[in-house]
Structure formats: C-alpha cells, structure tokens
Amino acid sequence: MDAQVRSVLYRVIRRIPNKNIENLLKKWNCLSTDQLYALDYTRPKWVIVEHVISFCEVRYIHYIQFLIN
C-alpha cells in the first residue's frame, strides 16, 4: 500500500470517534468478519490503522496470486 493511501486512511480514522471505528470498517466492507473481530478497538488509532493496512495488503496479495493462477 503506498504512502498516499496510508495517509488518507490515517486522516479518516483520526477524525472518527473510537466507538465508531468498528462500524465504519463494517460499512467499508473491506475486511472479513474474522478480521473485524481480530481488531482490538481499545488500542490507539494508529495501531488499528496499521492492522487494517496489514489486512488489506494480505488480501491484495491473495487476490494477485489468484489472478496469476
């Protein structure tokens, strides 16, 4: 994930109250149910963003591998 996408994600998450982050991620529909449950929403926002980015990168890699095979 490039720096610009990370920056936008940080700015969006930073403006959302902690109690609403889970609902926002559910609405975006970018993570699986297991990934949503794996996140600890009591952690600092930057930690949550790093985990979301990690999940998205893994999902992207699996998608590319699927396309290649």
C-alpha atoms as a PDB file:
ATOM      1  CA  MET A   1       0.000   0.000   0.000  1.00  0.00           C
ATOM      2  CA  ASP A   2       1.506   3.307  -0.991  1.00  0.00           C
ATOM      3  CA  ALA A   3       2.149   6.250   1.310  1.00  0.00           C
ATOM      4  CA  GLN A   4      -0.729   8.311  -0.062  1.00  0.00           C
ATOM      5  CA  VAL A   5      -3.308   5.624   0.756  1.00  0.00           C
ATOM      6  CA  ARG A   6      -1.850   5.210   4.245  1.00  0.00           C
ATOM      7  CA  SER A   7      -2.012   8.958   4.785  1.00  0.00           C
ATOM      8  CA  VAL A   8      -5.662   9.166   3.748  1.00  0.00           C
ATOM      9  CA  LEU A   9      -6.565   6.204   5.938  1.00  0.00           C
ATOM     10  CA  TYR A  10      -4.799   7.763   8.939  1.00  0.00           C
ATOM     11  CA  ARG A  11      -6.589  11.081   8.403  1.00  0.00           C
ATOM     12  CA  VAL A  12     -10.010   9.452   8.101  1.00  0.00           C
ATOM     13  CA  ILE A  13      -9.591   7.181  11.118  1.00  0.00           C
ATOM     14  CA  ARG A  14      -8.137  10.004  13.214  1.00  0.00           C
ATOM     15  CA  ARG A  15     -11.361  12.001  12.796  1.00  0.00           C
ATOM     16  CA  ILE A  16     -13.680   9.147  13.725  1.00  0.00           C
ATOM     17  CA  PRO A  17     -14.516   8.625  17.421  1.00  0.00           C
ATOM     18  CA  ASN A  18     -13.084   5.360  18.763  1.00  0.00           C
ATOM     19  CA  LYS A  19     -16.530   3.930  19.417  1.00  0.00           C
ATOM     20  CA  ASN A  20     -17.446   4.339  15.710  1.00  0.00           C
ATOM     21  CA  ILE A  21     -14.348   2.834  14.076  1.00  0.00           C
ATOM     22  CA  GLU A  22     -15.757  -0.696  14.014  1.00  0.00           C
ATOM     23  CA  ASN A  23     -18.987   0.475  12.347  1.00  0.00           C
ATOM     24  CA  LEU A  24     -17.020   2.465   9.777  1.00  0.00           C
ATOM     25  CA  LEU A  25     -14.900  -0.550   8.851  1.00  0.00           C
ATOM     26  CA  LYS A  26     -18.025  -2.703   8.566  1.00  0.00           C
ATOM     27  CA  LYS A  27     -19.618  -0.156   6.206  1.00  0.00           C
ATOM     28  CA  TRP A  28     -16.484  -0.057   4.046  1.00  0.00           C
ATOM     29  CA  ASN A  29     -16.764  -3.846   3.692  1.00  0.00           C
ATOM     30  CA  CYS A  30     -13.009  -4.159   3.148  1.00  0.00           C
ATOM     31  CA  LEU A  31     -12.318  -6.684   5.917  1.00  0.00           C
ATOM     32  CA  SER A  32     -13.700 -10.123   6.611  1.00  0.00           C
ATOM     33  CA  THR A  33     -15.752 -10.793   9.717  1.00  0.00           C
ATOM     34  CA  ASP A  34     -12.799 -12.610  11.287  1.00  0.00           C
ATOM     35  CA  GLN A  35     -10.519  -9.656  10.622  1.00  0.00           C
ATOM     36  CA  LEU A  36     -13.028  -7.243  12.153  1.00  0.00           C
ATOM     37  CA  TYR A  37     -13.219  -9.380  15.294  1.00  0.00           C
ATOM     38  CA  ALA A  38      -9.409  -9.675  15.429  1.00  0.00           C
ATOM     39  CA  LEU A  39      -9.007  -5.920  15.783  1.00  0.00           C
ATOM     40  CA  ASP A  40      -8.750  -4.518  19.301  1.00  0.00           C
ATOM     41  CA  TYR A  41     -10.735  -1.283  19.159  1.00  0.00           C
ATOM     42  CA  THR A  42      -9.439  -0.188  22.557  1.00  0.00           C
ATOM     43  CA  ARG A  43      -5.930   0.248  21.140  1.00  0.00           C
ATOM     44  CA  PRO A  44      -4.639   3.606  19.869  1.00  0.00           C
ATOM     45  CA  LYS A  45      -5.922   4.593  16.458  1.00  0.00           C
ATOM     46  CA  TRP A  46      -2.507   4.338  14.788  1.00  0.00           C
ATOM     47  CA  VAL A  47      -2.311   0.673  15.871  1.00  0.00           C
ATOM     48  CA  ILE A  48      -5.761  -0.013  14.434  1.00  0.00           C
ATOM     49  CA  VAL A  49      -4.779   1.649  11.155  1.00  0.00           C
ATOM     50  CA  GLU A  50      -1.594  -0.436  10.935  1.00  0.00           C
ATOM     51  CA  HIS A  51      -3.603  -3.619  11.423  1.00  0.00           C
ATOM     52  CA  VAL A  52      -6.177  -2.579   8.813  1.00  0.00           C
ATOM     53  CA  ILE A  53      -3.383  -1.815   6.341  1.00  0.00           C
ATOM     54  CA  SER A  54      -1.793  -5.179   7.076  1.00  0.00           C
ATOM     55  CA  PHE A  55      -5.084  -6.998   6.487  1.00  0.00           C
ATOM     56  CA  CYS A  56      -5.657  -5.123   3.225  1.00  0.00           C
ATOM     57  CA  GLU A  57      -2.149  -5.890   1.979  1.00  0.00           C
ATOM     58  CA  VAL A  58      -2.585  -9.608   2.689  1.00  0.00           C
ATOM     59  CA  ARG A  59      -5.935  -9.579   0.920  1.00  0.00           C
ATOM     60  CA  TYR A  60      -4.378  -7.827  -2.089  1.00  0.00           C
ATOM     61  CA  ILE A  61      -1.536 -10.370  -2.266  1.00  0.00           C
ATOM     62  CA  HIS A  62      -4.020 -13.257  -2.198  1.00  0.00           C
ATOM     63  CA  TYR A  63      -6.048 -11.579  -4.936  1.00  0.00           C
ATOM     64  CA  ILE A  64      -2.973 -11.170  -7.160  1.00  0.00           C
ATOM     65  CA  GLN A  65      -1.971 -14.794  -6.580  1.00  0.00           C
ATOM     66  CA  PHE A  66      -5.492 -15.862  -7.534  1.00  0.00           C
ATOM     67  CA  LEU A  67      -5.270 -13.893 -10.782  1.00  0.00           C
ATOM     68  CA  ILE A  68      -1.889 -15.385 -11.655  1.00  0.00           C
ATOM     69  CA  ASN A  69      -3.026 -18.964 -11.098  1.00  0.00           C
END
